[in-house]
C-alpha atoms as a PDB file:
ATOM      1  CA  MET A   1      -0.257  11.212 -15.382  1.00  0.00           C
ATOM      2  CA  LYS A   2       2.990  13.034 -14.635  1.00  0.00           C
ATOM      3  CA  GLU A   3       4.721  13.995 -17.898  1.00  0.00           C
ATOM      4  CA  SER A   4       8.157  14.095 -16.299  1.00  0.00           C
ATOM      5  CA  LEU A   5       9.451  11.625 -13.725  1.00  0.00           C
ATOM      6  CA  ASP A   6      12.169  13.062 -11.486  1.00  0.00           C
ATOM      7  CA  ILE A   7      14.613  10.460 -10.210  1.00  0.00           C
ATOM      8  CA  CYS A   8      17.656  10.452  -7.945  1.00  0.00           C
ATOM      9  CA  MET A   9      20.049   7.466  -7.946  1.00  0.00           C
ATOM     10  CA  LEU A  10      22.511   7.181  -5.045  1.00  0.00           C
ATOM     11  CA  GLN A  11      25.863   5.674  -6.060  1.00  0.00           C
ATOM     12  CA  CYS A  12      27.598   4.878  -2.780  1.00  0.00           C
ATOM     13  CA  ASP A  13      29.922   2.573  -0.892  1.00  0.00           C
ATOM     14  CA  LEU A  14      28.352   0.091   1.546  1.00  0.00           C
ATOM     15  CA  HIS A  15      29.374  -1.051   5.011  1.00  0.00           C
ATOM     16  CA  TRP A  16      29.933  -4.816   4.997  1.00  0.00           C
ATOM     17  CA  GLU A  17      27.163  -6.697   6.800  1.00  0.00           C
ATOM     18  CA  SER A  18      25.986  -3.696   8.819  1.00  0.00           C
ATOM     19  CA  PRO A  19      22.369  -2.661   8.208  1.00  0.00           C
ATOM     20  CA  ILE A  20      22.433  -0.064  10.996  1.00  0.00           C
ATOM     21  CA  ASP A  21      25.492   1.713   9.585  1.00  0.00           C
ATOM     22  CA  ASN A  22      24.191   1.566   6.026  1.00  0.00           C
ATOM     23  CA  ARG A  23      20.800   2.996   6.912  1.00  0.00           C
ATOM     24  CA  ALA A  24      22.444   5.849   8.838  1.00  0.00           C
ATOM     25  CA  GLN A  25      24.931   6.546   6.046  1.00  0.00           C
ATOM     26  CA  ILE A  26      22.285   6.575   3.324  1.00  0.00           C
ATOM     27  CA  GLU A  27      20.022   8.831   5.353  1.00  0.00           C
ATOM     28  CA  SER A  28      22.872  11.324   5.748  1.00  0.00           C
ATOM     29  CA  TYR A  29      23.533  11.288   1.989  1.00  0.00           C
ATOM     30  CA  LEU A  30      19.856  12.005   1.325  1.00  0.00           C
ATOM     31  CA  GLU A  31      19.634  15.034   3.618  1.00  0.00           C
ATOM     32  CA  GLY A  32      19.804  17.532   0.767  1.00  0.00           C
ATOM     33  CA  ILE A  33      17.541  15.616  -1.603  1.00  0.00           C
ATOM     34  CA  SER A  34      13.985  16.880  -2.057  1.00  0.00           C
ATOM     35  CA  GLY A  35      11.323  17.263  -4.715  1.00  0.00           C
ATOM     36  CA  VAL A  36      12.007  14.016  -6.559  1.00  0.00           C
ATOM     37  CA  ASP A  37       9.541  11.272  -7.418  1.00  0.00           C
ATOM     38  CA  VAL A  38      11.862   8.285  -6.942  1.00  0.00           C
ATOM     39  CA  ILE A  39      15.039   7.707  -4.921  1.00  0.00           C
ATOM     40  CA  LEU A  40      16.935   4.600  -6.026  1.00  0.00           C
ATOM     41  CA  LEU A  41      19.376   2.684  -3.775  1.00  0.00           C
ATOM     42  CA  PRO A  42      21.799  -0.138  -4.747  1.00  0.00           C
ATOM     43  CA  GLU A  43      21.353  -3.899  -4.581  1.00  0.00           C
ATOM     44  CA  LEU A  44      21.580  -5.298  -1.026  1.00  0.00           C
ATOM     45  CA  PHE A  45      22.079  -1.795   0.286  1.00  0.00           C
ATOM     46  CA  THR A  46      21.964  -2.858   3.939  1.00  0.00           C
ATOM     47  CA  THR A  47      24.678  -5.551   3.778  1.00  0.00           C
ATOM     48  CA  GLY A  48      26.656  -5.531   0.543  1.00  0.00           C
ATOM     49  CA  PHE A  49      26.738  -8.723  -1.556  1.00  0.00           C
ATOM     50  CA  SER A  50      27.262 -10.978   1.463  1.00  0.00           C
ATOM     51  CA  VAL A  51      25.138 -13.866   0.257  1.00  0.00           C
ATOM     52  CA  GLU A  52      26.298 -16.396   2.852  1.00  0.00           C
ATOM     53  CA  SER A  53      25.152 -14.176   5.735  1.00  0.00           C
ATOM     54  CA  VAL A  54      21.471 -15.030   5.509  1.00  0.00           C
ATOM     55  CA  HIS A  55      21.170 -14.530   9.263  1.00  0.00           C
ATOM     56  CA  LEU A  56      21.029 -10.829   8.353  1.00  0.00           C
ATOM     57  CA  ALA A  57      17.842 -11.316   6.317  1.00  0.00           C
ATOM     58  CA  GLU A  58      14.959  -9.211   7.601  1.00  0.00           C
ATOM     59  CA  THR A  59      11.218  -9.663   7.444  1.00  0.00           C
ATOM     60  CA  MET A  60       8.762  -7.428   5.657  1.00  0.00           C
ATOM     61  CA  THR A  61       7.999  -5.850   9.031  1.00  0.00           C
ATOM     62  CA  GLY A  62      11.647  -5.445  10.075  1.00  0.00           C
ATOM     63  CA  ASP A  63      13.786  -2.420  10.856  1.00  0.00           C
ATOM     64  CA  THR A  64      14.727  -1.626   7.264  1.00  0.00           C
ATOM     65  CA  MET A  65      11.137  -1.699   6.066  1.00  0.00           C
ATOM     66  CA  ALA A  66      10.131   0.656   8.883  1.00  0.00           C
ATOM     67  CA  TRP A  67      13.067   2.926   8.004  1.00  0.00           C
ATOM     68  CA  MET A  68      12.175   2.935   4.288  1.00  0.00           C
ATOM     69  CA  LYS A  69       8.585   3.901   5.053  1.00  0.00           C
ATOM     70  CA  SER A  70       9.742   6.710   7.319  1.00  0.00           C
ATOM     71  CA  VAL A  71      12.244   8.116   4.798  1.00  0.00           C
ATOM     72  CA  SER A  72       9.769   7.790   1.924  1.00  0.00           C
ATOM     73  CA  GLU A  73       7.102   9.660   3.836  1.00  0.00           C
ATOM     74  CA  SER A  74       9.469  12.407   5.014  1.00  0.00           C
ATOM     75  CA  LYS A  75      10.903  12.945   1.511  1.00  0.00           C
ATOM     76  CA  ASP A  76       7.517  12.506  -0.207  1.00  0.00           C
ATOM     77  CA  SER A  77       9.377  10.244  -2.640  1.00  0.00           C
ATOM     78  CA  VAL A  78       9.375   6.581  -3.505  1.00  0.00           C
ATOM     79  CA  LEU A  79      12.361   4.882  -1.860  1.00  0.00           C
ATOM     80  CA  CYS A  80      13.513   1.669  -3.510  1.00  0.00           C
ATOM     81  CA  GLY A  81      16.398  -0.803  -3.641  1.00  0.00           C
ATOM     82  CA  SER A  82      17.055  -4.430  -2.669  1.00  0.00           C
ATOM     83  CA  ILE A  83      17.771  -6.148   0.653  1.00  0.00           C
ATOM     84  CA  MET A  84      17.845  -9.706   2.022  1.00  0.00           C
ATOM     85  CA  VAL A  85      14.311 -10.698   3.038  1.00  0.00           C
ATOM     86  CA  LYS A  86      13.169 -13.823   4.846  1.00  0.00           C
ATOM     87  CA  ASP A  87       9.662 -14.811   3.796  1.00  0.00           C
ATOM     88  CA  SER A  88       7.807 -18.113   4.301  1.00  0.00           C
ATOM     89  CA  GLY A  89      11.017 -19.931   5.219  1.00  0.00           C
ATOM     90  CA  ASN A  90      12.982 -18.717   2.199  1.00  0.00           C
ATOM     91  CA  VAL A  91      15.498 -15.906   1.754  1.00  0.00           C
ATOM     92  CA  TYR A  92      15.154 -13.594  -1.244  1.00  0.00           C
ATOM     93  CA  ASN A  93      17.206 -10.830  -2.810  1.00  0.00           C
ATOM     94  CA  ARG A  94      14.143  -8.599  -2.833  1.00  0.00           C
ATOM     95  CA  PHE A  95      13.677  -5.244  -4.513  1.00  0.00           C
ATOM     96  CA  LEU A  96      11.407  -3.107  -2.349  1.00  0.00           C
ATOM     97  CA  TRP A  97       9.362  -0.247  -3.798  1.00  0.00           C
ATOM     98  CA  VAL A  98       8.063   1.906  -0.941  1.00  0.00           C
ATOM     99  CA  GLU A  99       5.725   4.804  -1.693  1.00  0.00           C
ATOM    100  CA  PRO A 100       5.003   7.844   0.534  1.00  0.00           C
ATOM    101  CA  SER A 101       1.427   6.590   0.922  1.00  0.00           C
ATOM    102  CA  GLY A 102       2.774   3.443   2.590  1.00  0.00           C
ATOM    103  CA  ARG A 103       2.091   1.149  -0.374  1.00  0.00           C
ATOM    104  CA  VAL A 104       4.829  -1.455  -0.759  1.00  0.00           C
ATOM    105  CA  LEU A 105       5.506  -3.581  -3.839  1.00  0.00           C
ATOM    106  CA  HIS A 106       8.330  -6.054  -4.330  1.00  0.00           C
ATOM    107  CA  TYR A 107      10.233  -8.066  -6.918  1.00  0.00           C
ATOM    108  CA  ASP A 108      12.398 -11.100  -6.067  1.00  0.00           C
ATOM    109  CA  LYS A 109      15.583 -11.505  -8.098  1.00  0.00           C
ATOM    110  CA  ARG A 110      14.974 -14.118 -10.770  1.00  0.00           C
ATOM    111  CA  HIS A 111      18.543 -14.809 -11.894  1.00  0.00           C
ATOM    112  CA  LEU A 112      20.760 -15.678  -8.934  1.00  0.00           C
ATOM    113  CA  PHE A 113      24.507 -15.243  -9.439  1.00  0.00           C
ATOM    114  CA  SER A 114      25.989 -18.746  -9.445  1.00  0.00           C
ATOM    115  CA  LEU A 115      29.613 -17.524  -9.588  1.00  0.00           C
ATOM    116  CA  SER A 116      29.174 -16.235  -6.026  1.00  0.00           C
ATOM    117  CA  ASP A 117      26.982 -19.125  -4.805  1.00  0.00           C
ATOM    118  CA  GLU A 118      23.894 -16.936  -4.500  1.00  0.00           C
ATOM    119  CA  PRO A 119      21.602 -19.882  -5.478  1.00  0.00           C
ATOM    120  CA  LEU A 120      22.919 -21.873  -2.485  1.00  0.00           C
ATOM    121  CA  TYR A 121      21.536 -19.352  -0.010  1.00  0.00           C
ATOM    122  CA  PHE A 122      18.705 -17.533  -1.784  1.00  0.00           C
ATOM    123  CA  THR A 123      15.493 -18.607  -3.475  1.00  0.00           C
ATOM    124  CA  ALA A 124      14.904 -17.307  -6.992  1.00  0.00           C
ATOM    125  CA  GLY A 125      11.873 -15.239  -7.832  1.00  0.00           C
ATOM    126  CA  THR A 126       9.411 -16.564 -10.367  1.00  0.00           C
ATOM    127  CA  SER A 127       7.833 -13.513 -11.982  1.00  0.00           C
ATOM    128  CA  ARG A 128       8.453  -9.931 -13.033  1.00  0.00           C
ATOM    129  CA  LEU A 129       6.919  -6.880 -11.459  1.00  0.00           C
ATOM    130  CA  ILE A 130       5.441  -4.227 -13.750  1.00  0.00           C
ATOM    131  CA  LEU A 131       4.272  -1.443 -11.469  1.00  0.00           C
ATOM    132  CA  GLU A 132       2.429   1.774 -12.241  1.00  0.00           C
ATOM    133  CA  TYR A 133       3.284   5.072 -10.586  1.00  0.00           C
ATOM    134  CA  LYS A 134       2.105   8.547 -11.587  1.00  0.00           C
ATOM    135  CA  GLY A 135       1.130   7.244 -15.012  1.00  0.00           C
ATOM    136  CA  TRP A 136       4.467   5.509 -15.650  1.00  0.00           C
ATOM    137  CA  LYS A 137       4.909   1.757 -16.069  1.00  0.00           C
ATOM    138  CA  ILE A 138       8.139   0.634 -14.410  1.00  0.00           C
ATOM    139  CA  CYS A 139       9.928  -2.737 -14.408  1.00  0.00           C
ATOM    140  CA  PRO A 140      12.526  -3.227 -11.628  1.00  0.00           C
ATOM    141  CA  MET A 141      15.277  -5.835 -11.898  1.00  0.00           C
ATOM    142  CA  ILE A 142      18.426  -6.767  -9.999  1.00  0.00           C
ATOM    143  CA  CYS A 143      22.044  -7.020 -11.187  1.00  0.00           C
ATOM    144  CA  TYR A 144      22.529 -10.422 -12.902  1.00  0.00           C
ATOM    145  CA  ASP A 145      19.058 -10.124 -14.484  1.00  0.00           C
ATOM    146  CA  LEU A 146      20.730  -7.675 -16.880  1.00  0.00           C
ATOM    147  CA  ARG A 147      22.395 -10.545 -18.749  1.00  0.00           C
ATOM    148  CA  PHE A 148      19.078 -12.202 -19.684  1.00  0.00           C
ATOM    149  CA  PRO A 149      17.204 -10.222 -22.366  1.00  0.00           C
ATOM    150  CA  VAL A 150      14.269 -12.623 -22.680  1.00  0.00           C
ATOM    151  CA  PHE A 151      13.211 -11.975 -19.092  1.00  0.00           C
ATOM    152  CA  SER A 152      13.319  -8.200 -19.503  1.00  0.00           C
ATOM    153  CA  ARG A 153      11.616  -8.160 -22.927  1.00  0.00           C
ATOM    154  CA  ASN A 154       9.167  -5.271 -23.190  1.00  0.00           C
ATOM    155  CA  ASP A 155       5.974  -7.167 -23.953  1.00  0.00           C
ATOM    156  CA  GLU A 156       3.865  -5.149 -21.502  1.00  0.00           C
ATOM    157  CA  GLY A 157       4.568  -1.610 -22.672  1.00  0.00           C
ATOM    158  CA  TYR A 158       6.678  -0.494 -19.733  1.00  0.00           C
ATOM    159  CA  ASP A 159       8.333   2.936 -19.897  1.00  0.00           C
ATOM    160  CA  LEU A 160      11.273   2.472 -17.562  1.00  0.00           C
ATOM    161  CA  LEU A 161      13.531  -0.482 -16.794  1.00  0.00           C
ATOM    162  CA  LEU A 162      15.503  -0.288 -13.525  1.00  0.00           C
ATOM    163  CA  PHE A 163      18.610  -2.267 -12.574  1.00  0.00           C
ATOM    164  CA  VAL A 164      20.170  -2.059  -9.100  1.00  0.00           C
ATOM    165  CA  ALA A 165      23.495  -3.823  -8.732  1.00  0.00           C
ATOM    166  CA  ASN A 166      26.703  -4.845  -7.030  1.00  0.00           C
ATOM    167  CA  TRP A 167      28.511  -5.212 -10.389  1.00  0.00           C
ATOM    168  CA  PRO A 168      32.300  -5.692  -9.996  1.00  0.00           C
ATOM    169  CA  GLU A 169      34.778  -3.377 -11.699  1.00  0.00           C
ATOM    170  CA  LYS A 170      36.431  -6.265 -13.571  1.00  0.00           C
ATOM    171  CA  ARG A 171      33.223  -6.834 -15.587  1.00  0.00           C
ATOM    172  CA  ILE A 172      32.117  -3.201 -15.887  1.00  0.00           C
ATOM    173  CA  GLY A 173      32.521  -3.246 -19.676  1.00  0.00           C
ATOM    174  CA  ALA A 174      29.661  -5.740 -19.923  1.00  0.00           C
ATOM    175  CA  TRP A 175      27.529  -3.541 -17.630  1.00  0.00           C
ATOM    176  CA  ASP A 176      27.923  -0.551 -19.957  1.00  0.00           C
ATOM    177  CA  VAL A 177      27.120  -2.515 -23.123  1.00  0.00           C
ATOM    178  CA  LEU A 178      24.200  -4.494 -21.718  1.00  0.00           C
ATOM    179  CA  LEU A 179      22.439  -1.437 -20.295  1.00  0.00           C
ATOM    180  CA  ARG A 180      22.498   0.159 -23.747  1.00  0.00           C
ATOM    181  CA  ALA A 181      21.308  -3.062 -25.366  1.00  0.00           C
ATOM    182  CA  ARG A 182      18.334  -3.362 -23.017  1.00  0.00           C
ATOM    183  CA  ALA A 183      17.326   0.230 -23.818  1.00  0.00           C
ATOM    184  CA  ILE A 184      17.617  -0.216 -27.581  1.00  0.00           C
ATOM    185  CA  GLU A 185      15.827  -3.551 -27.866  1.00  0.00           C
ATOM    186  CA  ASN A 186      13.001  -2.537 -25.520  1.00  0.00           C
ATOM    187  CA  GLN A 187      12.658   1.118 -26.620  1.00  0.00           C
ATOM    188  CA  SER A 188      12.598   2.054 -22.970  1.00  0.00           C
ATOM    189  CA  TYR A 189      14.466   4.316 -20.627  1.00  0.00           C
ATOM    190  CA  VAL A 190      16.972   2.224 -18.670  1.00  0.00           C
ATOM    191  CA  LEU A 191      18.549   3.200 -15.355  1.00  0.00           C
ATOM    192  CA  GLY A 192      21.484   1.233 -13.954  1.00  0.00           C
ATOM    193  CA  LEU A 193      22.600   1.922 -10.382  1.00  0.00           C
ATOM    194  CA  ASN A 194      25.812   0.298  -9.180  1.00  0.00           C
ATOM    195  CA  ARG A 195      27.795   0.713  -5.959  1.00  0.00           C
ATOM    196  CA  VAL A 196      31.390   1.870  -5.485  1.00  0.00           C
ATOM    197  CA  GLY A 197      34.188   0.894  -3.079  1.00  0.00           C
ATOM    198  CA  SER A 198      35.309  -2.568  -1.935  1.00  0.00           C
ATOM    199  CA  ASP A 199      33.371  -5.259  -0.126  1.00  0.00           C
ATOM    200  CA  GLY A 200      34.275  -7.830   2.523  1.00  0.00           C
ATOM    201  CA  LYS A 201      35.514 -10.213  -0.162  1.00  0.00           C
ATOM    202  CA  HIS A 202      37.871  -7.554  -1.577  1.00  0.00           C
ATOM    203  CA  LEU A 203      35.879  -7.133  -4.756  1.00  0.00           C
ATOM    204  CA  LYS A 204      36.119  -3.626  -6.191  1.00  0.00           C
ATOM    205  CA  TYR A 205      33.220  -1.651  -7.629  1.00  0.00           C
ATOM    206  CA  SER A 206      33.623   1.424  -9.829  1.00  0.00           C
ATOM    207  CA  GLY A 207      30.011   2.537 -10.161  1.00  0.00           C
ATOM    208  CA  HIS A 208      29.277   3.566 -13.774  1.00  0.00           C
ATOM    209  CA  SER A 209      25.708   4.288 -12.654  1.00  0.00           C
ATOM    210  CA  GLN A 210      23.894   5.724 -15.639  1.00  0.00           C
ATOM    211  CA  ALA A 211      20.681   6.634 -17.394  1.00  0.00           C
ATOM    212  CA  ILE A 212      20.122   5.477 -20.978  1.00  0.00           C
ATOM    213  CA  ASP A 213      17.715   7.024 -23.473  1.00  0.00           C
ATOM    214  CA  VAL A 214      15.135   5.124 -25.515  1.00  0.00           C
ATOM    215  CA  ASP A 215      17.507   4.882 -28.487  1.00  0.00           C
ATOM    216  CA  GLY A 216      20.511   3.781 -26.425  1.00  0.00           C
ATOM    217  CA  GLY A 217      22.066   7.225 -26.017  1.00  0.00           C
ATOM    218  CA  LEU A 218      23.645   8.177 -22.720  1.00  0.00           C
ATOM    219  CA  ILE A 219      21.579  10.702 -20.750  1.00  0.00           C
ATOM    220  CA  SER A 220      23.676  10.917 -17.602  1.00  0.00           C
ATOM    221  CA  VAL A 221      26.415   9.028 -15.771  1.00  0.00           C
ATOM    222  CA  ALA A 222      27.860   9.231 -12.251  1.00  0.00           C
ATOM    223  CA  PRO A 223      31.577   9.951 -11.793  1.00  0.00           C
ATOM    224  CA  GLU A 224      33.603   6.734 -11.715  1.00  0.00           C
ATOM    225  CA  ASN A 225      34.661   5.509  -8.253  1.00  0.00           C
ATOM    226  CA  GLU A 226      32.952   8.412  -6.523  1.00  0.00           C
ATOM    227  CA  ILE A 227      30.047   8.622  -4.106  1.00  0.00           C
ATOM    228  CA  GLY A 228      27.373  10.829  -5.612  1.00  0.00           C
ATOM    229  CA  PHE A 229      24.034  11.169  -7.287  1.00  0.00           C
ATOM    230  CA  VAL A 230      22.603  10.811 -10.747  1.00  0.00           C
ATOM    231  CA  GLU A 231      19.659  13.202 -10.818  1.00  0.00           C
ATOM    232  CA  LEU A 232      17.496  13.370 -13.908  1.00  0.00           C
ATOM    233  CA  SER A 233      14.051  14.080 -15.276  1.00  0.00           C
ATOM    234  CA  LEU A 234      12.576  11.619 -17.760  1.00  0.00           C
ATOM    235  CA  SER A 235      10.000  12.810 -20.306  1.00  0.00           C
ATOM    236  CA  LYS A 236       6.970  10.685 -21.184  1.00  0.00           C
ATOM    237  CA  ASN A 237       6.312  12.814 -24.300  1.00  0.00           C
ATOM    238  CA  HIS A 238       9.840  12.172 -25.563  1.00  0.00           C
ATOM    239  CA  LEU A 239       9.387   8.431 -25.024  1.00  0.00           C
ATOM    240  CA  THR A 240       6.069   8.418 -26.890  1.00  0.00           C
ATOM    241  CA  GLU A 241       7.438  10.426 -29.822  1.00  0.00           C
ATOM    242  CA  MET A 242      10.496   8.198 -30.164  1.00  0.00           C
ATOM    243  CA  ARG A 243       8.307   5.100 -30.306  1.00  0.00           C
ATOM    244  CA  LYS A 244       5.997   6.710 -32.883  1.00  0.00           C
ATOM    245  CA  LYS A 245       8.883   7.684 -35.155  1.00  0.00           C
ATOM    246  CA  ALA A 246      10.399   4.195 -35.018  1.00  0.00           C
ATOM    247  CA  PRO A 247       7.716   1.674 -33.959  1.00  0.00           C
ATOM    248  CA  PHE A 248      10.112  -1.268 -33.646  1.00  0.00           C
ATOM    249  CA  LEU A 249       8.212  -2.841 -30.746  1.00  0.00           C
ATOM    250  CA  GLU A 250       5.277  -3.549 -33.049  1.00  0.00           C
ATOM    251  CA  ASP A 251       7.442  -6.113 -34.868  1.00  0.00           C
ATOM    252  CA  ARG A 252       8.660  -7.940 -31.779  1.00  0.00           C
ATOM    253  CA  ASP A 253       8.343 -11.709 -31.380  1.00  0.00           C
ATOM    254  CA  HIS A 254       5.604 -13.041 -29.140  1.00  0.00           C
ATOM    255  CA  TYR A 255       6.216 -15.784 -26.615  1.00  0.00           C
ATOM    256  CA  SER A 256       5.491 -16.681 -23.017  1.00  0.00           C
ATOM    257  CA  LEU A 257       7.942 -17.291 -20.177  1.00  0.00           C
ATOM    258  CA  LYS A 258       7.764 -20.459 -18.120  1.00  0.00           C
END
């Protein structure tokens, strides 16, 4: 087990509907990054939130997957974030977790954003992913999932809850509050990575990418409206001690999701 988990979140703008440009841009941003366990990229980092453009969906053996494997291996870091993926005739907003060893895990976004017609073009996922890496249990989720606490309930003892997003500036107040709520109610570290800039639909994004402590305190936050990194080291011992001092999870309700 690794006591500390070193993570780098890239808060960046995205080229609209241009996987080639986005891969090149992200790779240039990551040139100076080394020695971290996990590199986190935004939701739909190859296209922006262009849900109608499902012709841009890639397969699990496509160019972006090959690129992610190459970058992960060269950095000796997990590379993760979500892209459009076509699989078995459906298109998913799929979070990809790519390890330096070549192991790939994925989570398909469960809650599709109806205000932007995402359910008309994408198929919803049906289950969570709780993955284990270097002794840490990690639960990745995508954007709109943040609004649904039942789905993210910590009933499997995860240590870290991840949210990657294209969360518009006009609703950024909810982003800040909900990230803290998910940390407090689940006694888990929570990382929220959002993009900046404007997209092809003229929606503005201000970032507010941040790391939240087990008790809801702010660990780190990226500068608003700026391209940059949130780099941090999470402590497993701190997490364990906080849960021992206040064992709230032992009193949680028990239920099953359909």
